[in-house]
């Protein structure tokens, strides 16, 4: 889920990071999802920050804090019907964190997102819907929703936070059992075997609506 606590921590700790979203969709709409937060490029800076108790009034989480938060998220997701096989991979040497799960249908992913957001009282001013993924087996189409309700007011964003966004990247990879016929997002790259699509964008560009994650992928 894009609202996992790791992503929030990434904004707090790192000046350069990547969020990787991978979704494998079967023909019946089931599949697997994984989210990876890669902070390895900021490894030296994070090691220094982890030695501090706080910075600018914000507590610096230690390894134990991170593990606790990740387990809390996993416990919440386990309550979602249709979500199974939850796993975590935590690499504190290079600061690469991954959460993954299997899903019976895309609605289960959307419901898990709602549960996590509700538990942490997260209000996202940019997303106007929690239905981030839909799959229609009859039309053989997969939709990654990326419609943002309002353009970010960058004048209200702190300069240090703005710098984080400029160096943050989002990569989405979507794999299927059938060949891809078409995509709606022109930034999408299709693999040579036509079974995977990828989009890679800057997070700040998403906020300013220069680019969008909105994509409808139609299969043969």
Protein backbone atom coordinates (compact mmCIF):
# COMPACT_ATOMS: atom_id res chain seq x y z
CA UNK A 1 0.00 0.00 0.00
CA UNK A 2 1.35 3.39 -0.86
CA UNK A 3 0.54 4.72 2.60
CA UNK A 4 2.71 2.27 4.49
CA UNK A 5 4.62 3.76 7.36
CA UNK A 6 7.92 3.06 5.64
CA UNK A 7 7.16 5.57 2.95
CA UNK A 8 6.36 8.21 5.55
CA UNK A 9 9.65 7.47 7.28
CA UNK A 10 11.44 7.69 3.97
CA UNK A 11 10.43 11.34 3.62
CA UNK A 12 11.75 12.03 7.11
CA UNK A 13 15.13 10.35 6.81
CA UNK A 14 16.39 10.45 3.27
CA UNK A 15 17.29 12.92 0.57
CA UNK A 16 17.13 10.34 -2.19
CA UNK A 17 14.89 7.30 -2.36
CA UNK A 18 12.79 5.17 -4.66
CA UNK A 19 9.40 3.58 -4.19
CA UNK A 20 8.80 0.49 -6.30
CA UNK A 21 5.30 -0.87 -6.80
CA UNK A 22 5.02 -4.29 -8.46
CA UNK A 23 1.70 -5.91 -9.31
CA UNK A 24 1.35 -9.33 -10.94
CA UNK A 25 -2.18 -9.95 -12.21
CA UNK A 26 -3.54 -13.34 -13.27
CA UNK A 27 -6.29 -13.72 -15.86
CA UNK A 28 -8.88 -14.29 -13.12
CA UNK A 29 -7.98 -11.04 -11.34
CA UNK A 30 -5.98 -12.59 -8.50
CA UNK A 31 -2.30 -11.93 -8.14
CA UNK A 32 0.54 -10.59 -6.03
CA UNK A 33 1.70 -7.15 -4.95
CA UNK A 34 4.93 -5.87 -3.48
CA UNK A 35 6.09 -2.47 -2.29
CA UNK A 36 9.77 -1.69 -1.93
CA UNK A 37 11.25 1.43 -0.36
CA UNK A 38 14.87 1.72 -1.45
CA UNK A 39 16.95 4.17 0.60
CA UNK A 40 20.32 2.66 -0.30
CA UNK A 41 21.57 5.79 -2.08
CA UNK A 42 21.23 7.67 1.21
CA UNK A 43 22.82 4.96 3.33
CA UNK A 44 25.60 7.17 4.72
CA UNK A 45 23.23 9.97 5.66
CA UNK A 46 20.77 7.60 7.32
CA UNK A 47 23.53 5.94 9.35
CA UNK A 48 24.44 9.37 10.71
CA UNK A 49 20.82 10.28 11.46
CA UNK A 50 20.22 7.01 13.27
CA UNK A 51 22.83 8.03 15.84
CA UNK A 52 20.69 11.01 16.85
CA UNK A 53 17.69 11.01 19.17
CA UNK A 54 15.83 13.63 17.16
CA UNK A 55 16.24 16.20 14.42
CA UNK A 56 14.26 19.44 14.12
CA UNK A 57 11.95 18.21 16.86
CA UNK A 58 11.18 14.89 15.17
CA UNK A 59 12.17 11.64 16.86
CA UNK A 60 14.52 9.50 14.82
CA UNK A 61 13.19 5.92 14.78
CA UNK A 62 15.66 3.16 15.50
CA UNK A 63 15.65 -0.33 14.00
CA UNK A 64 13.30 -1.64 16.67
CA UNK A 65 10.85 1.23 16.05
CA UNK A 66 10.79 0.41 12.36
CA UNK A 67 10.20 -3.29 12.95
CA UNK A 68 7.32 -2.51 15.32
CA UNK A 69 5.63 -0.20 12.80
CA UNK A 70 6.04 -2.69 9.97
CA UNK A 71 4.52 -5.48 12.07
CA UNK A 72 1.61 -3.19 12.95
CA UNK A 73 0.91 -2.64 9.26
CA UNK A 74 1.12 -6.38 8.54
CA UNK A 75 -1.32 -7.15 11.35
CA UNK A 76 -3.78 -4.64 9.91
CA UNK A 77 -3.47 -6.06 6.41
CA UNK A 78 -4.00 -9.60 7.69
CA UNK A 79 -7.51 -8.56 8.72
CA UNK A 80 -8.46 -7.94 5.09
CA UNK A 81 -10.43 -10.70 3.39
CA UNK A 82 -8.65 -11.78 0.22
CA UNK A 83 -5.15 -10.80 1.39
CA UNK A 84 -2.80 -13.73 2.10
CA UNK A 85 0.87 -14.71 2.21
CA UNK A 86 2.06 -11.47 3.78
CA UNK A 87 5.85 -11.18 3.92
CA UNK A 88 8.46 -8.63 4.88
CA UNK A 89 12.10 -8.25 3.87
CA UNK A 90 14.07 -5.77 5.96
CA UNK A 91 17.64 -4.93 5.00
CA UNK A 92 19.03 -2.50 7.56
CA UNK A 93 22.51 -2.64 6.05
CA UNK A 94 21.41 -0.92 2.85
CA UNK A 95 18.02 0.34 4.06
CA UNK A 96 15.89 -1.53 1.57
CA UNK A 97 12.47 -2.52 2.88
CA UNK A 98 9.90 -4.67 1.12
CA UNK A 99 6.36 -5.78 1.94
CA UNK A 100 4.50 -8.25 -0.25
CA UNK A 101 1.23 -10.17 -0.34
CA UNK A 102 -1.06 -12.22 -2.54
CA UNK A 103 -4.57 -11.01 -3.32
CA UNK A 104 -7.73 -12.81 -4.41
CA UNK A 105 -8.98 -9.74 -6.27
CA UNK A 106 -8.02 -6.08 -6.62
CA UNK A 107 -10.81 -5.00 -4.26
CA UNK A 108 -8.86 -6.69 -1.47
CA UNK A 109 -5.89 -4.40 -2.13
CA UNK A 110 -8.10 -1.33 -2.02
CA UNK A 111 -9.73 -2.46 1.22
CA UNK A 112 -6.34 -3.08 2.82
CA UNK A 113 -5.34 0.47 1.91
CA UNK A 114 -8.47 1.83 3.56
CA UNK A 115 -7.83 -0.16 6.74
CA UNK A 116 -4.24 1.08 7.08
CA UNK A 117 -5.21 4.70 6.37
CA UNK A 118 -8.03 4.57 8.89
CA UNK A 119 -5.84 3.05 11.61
CA UNK A 120 -3.20 5.76 11.25
CA UNK A 121 -5.75 8.53 10.60
CA UNK A 122 -4.02 9.37 7.34
CA UNK A 123 -5.71 12.02 5.22
CA UNK A 124 -4.29 12.26 1.72
CA UNK A 125 -5.27 15.63 0.20
CA UNK A 126 -4.20 14.57 -3.28
CA UNK A 127 -5.96 11.26 -3.86
CA UNK A 128 -9.71 11.40 -4.31
CA UNK A 129 -10.31 7.67 -4.10
CA UNK A 130 -8.94 4.61 -2.33
CA UNK A 131 -9.64 2.40 -5.35
CA UNK A 132 -6.10 2.40 -6.65
CA UNK A 133 -6.46 -0.84 -8.63
CA UNK A 134 -9.28 -2.39 -10.65
CA UNK A 135 -9.34 -5.39 -12.98
CA UNK A 136 -12.21 -6.23 -15.32
CA UNK A 137 -11.92 -9.80 -16.58
CA UNK A 138 -14.70 -9.33 -19.14
CA UNK A 139 -12.99 -6.40 -20.88
CA UNK A 140 -9.53 -7.72 -20.00
CA UNK A 141 -8.48 -4.36 -18.63
CA UNK A 142 -6.43 -3.32 -15.61
CA UNK A 143 -6.56 0.19 -14.21
CA UNK A 144 -3.99 1.81 -11.98
CA UNK A 145 -5.77 4.88 -10.67
CA UNK A 146 -3.67 8.01 -10.48
CA UNK A 147 -6.20 10.82 -10.60
CA UNK A 148 -5.20 13.56 -8.17
CA UNK A 149 -7.95 15.90 -7.03
CA UNK A 150 -5.91 19.08 -6.61
CA UNK A 151 -2.53 20.32 -7.70
CA UNK A 152 -0.17 20.60 -4.78
CA UNK A 153 0.38 24.08 -3.36
CA UNK A 154 4.16 24.01 -3.47
CA UNK A 155 4.44 27.41 -1.79
CA UNK A 156 3.21 25.78 1.42
CA UNK A 157 5.69 22.92 1.24
CA UNK A 158 8.85 23.37 3.30
CA UNK A 159 11.98 23.76 1.20
CA UNK A 160 13.64 20.71 2.76
CA UNK A 161 10.56 18.62 1.98
CA UNK A 162 10.52 19.97 -1.57
CA UNK A 163 14.12 18.86 -2.00
CA UNK A 164 13.13 15.35 -0.90
CA UNK A 165 10.40 15.20 -3.51
CA UNK A 166 12.71 16.38 -6.28
CA UNK A 167 15.00 13.42 -5.60
CA UNK A 168 12.29 10.82 -5.05
CA UNK A 169 11.20 8.43 -7.77
CA UNK A 170 8.22 6.14 -8.15
CA UNK A 171 8.49 3.04 -10.31
CA UNK A 172 5.43 0.97 -11.15
CA UNK A 173 5.77 -2.46 -12.76
CA UNK A 174 2.67 -4.41 -13.83
CA UNK A 175 2.88 -7.99 -15.12
CA UNK A 176 0.18 -10.10 -16.76
CA UNK A 177 -0.43 -13.63 -18.03
CA UNK A 178 -1.74 -12.31 -21.36
CA UNK A 179 -0.16 -9.99 -23.92
CA UNK A 180 -0.70 -6.26 -23.52
CA UNK A 181 -2.77 -4.77 -26.32
CA UNK A 182 -2.71 -1.09 -25.34
CA UNK A 183 -1.92 1.37 -22.55
CA UNK A 184 -3.45 4.79 -21.90
CA UNK A 185 -0.42 6.42 -20.25
CA UNK A 186 2.13 7.57 -22.82
CA UNK A 187 4.96 7.32 -20.27
CA UNK A 188 4.48 3.54 -20.10
CA UNK A 189 7.14 1.20 -21.41
CA UNK A 190 6.03 -2.25 -22.57
CA UNK A 191 8.40 -5.21 -22.29
CA UNK A 192 9.53 -7.05 -25.47
CA UNK A 193 7.35 -10.07 -24.61
CA UNK A 194 4.34 -7.75 -24.10
CA UNK A 195 3.58 -9.27 -20.70
CA UNK A 196 4.78 -6.35 -18.53
CA UNK A 197 4.39 -2.58 -18.39
CA UNK A 198 6.53 -0.08 -16.47
CA UNK A 199 6.22 3.58 -15.57
CA UNK A 200 8.91 5.61 -13.80
CA UNK A 201 8.23 9.16 -12.65
CA UNK A 202 9.47 11.79 -10.22
CA UNK A 203 7.29 12.18 -7.12
CA UNK A 204 7.30 15.98 -7.37
CA UNK A 205 6.12 15.72 -10.98
CA UNK A 206 3.18 13.65 -9.75
CA UNK A 207 2.23 16.31 -7.21
CA UNK A 208 2.39 19.10 -9.79
CA UNK A 209 0.40 16.98 -12.27
CA UNK A 210 3.18 17.06 -14.82
CA UNK A 211 2.80 13.30 -14.96
CA UNK A 212 0.21 10.88 -13.64
CA UNK A 213 0.07 7.24 -12.60
CA UNK A 214 -3.35 6.92 -14.21
CA UNK A 215 -3.16 4.02 -16.62
CA UNK A 216 -5.59 1.63 -18.28
CA UNK A 217 -3.85 -1.46 -19.60
CA UNK A 218 -5.89 -3.55 -22.02
CA UNK A 219 -4.94 -7.17 -22.66
CA UNK A 220 -5.46 -9.41 -25.68
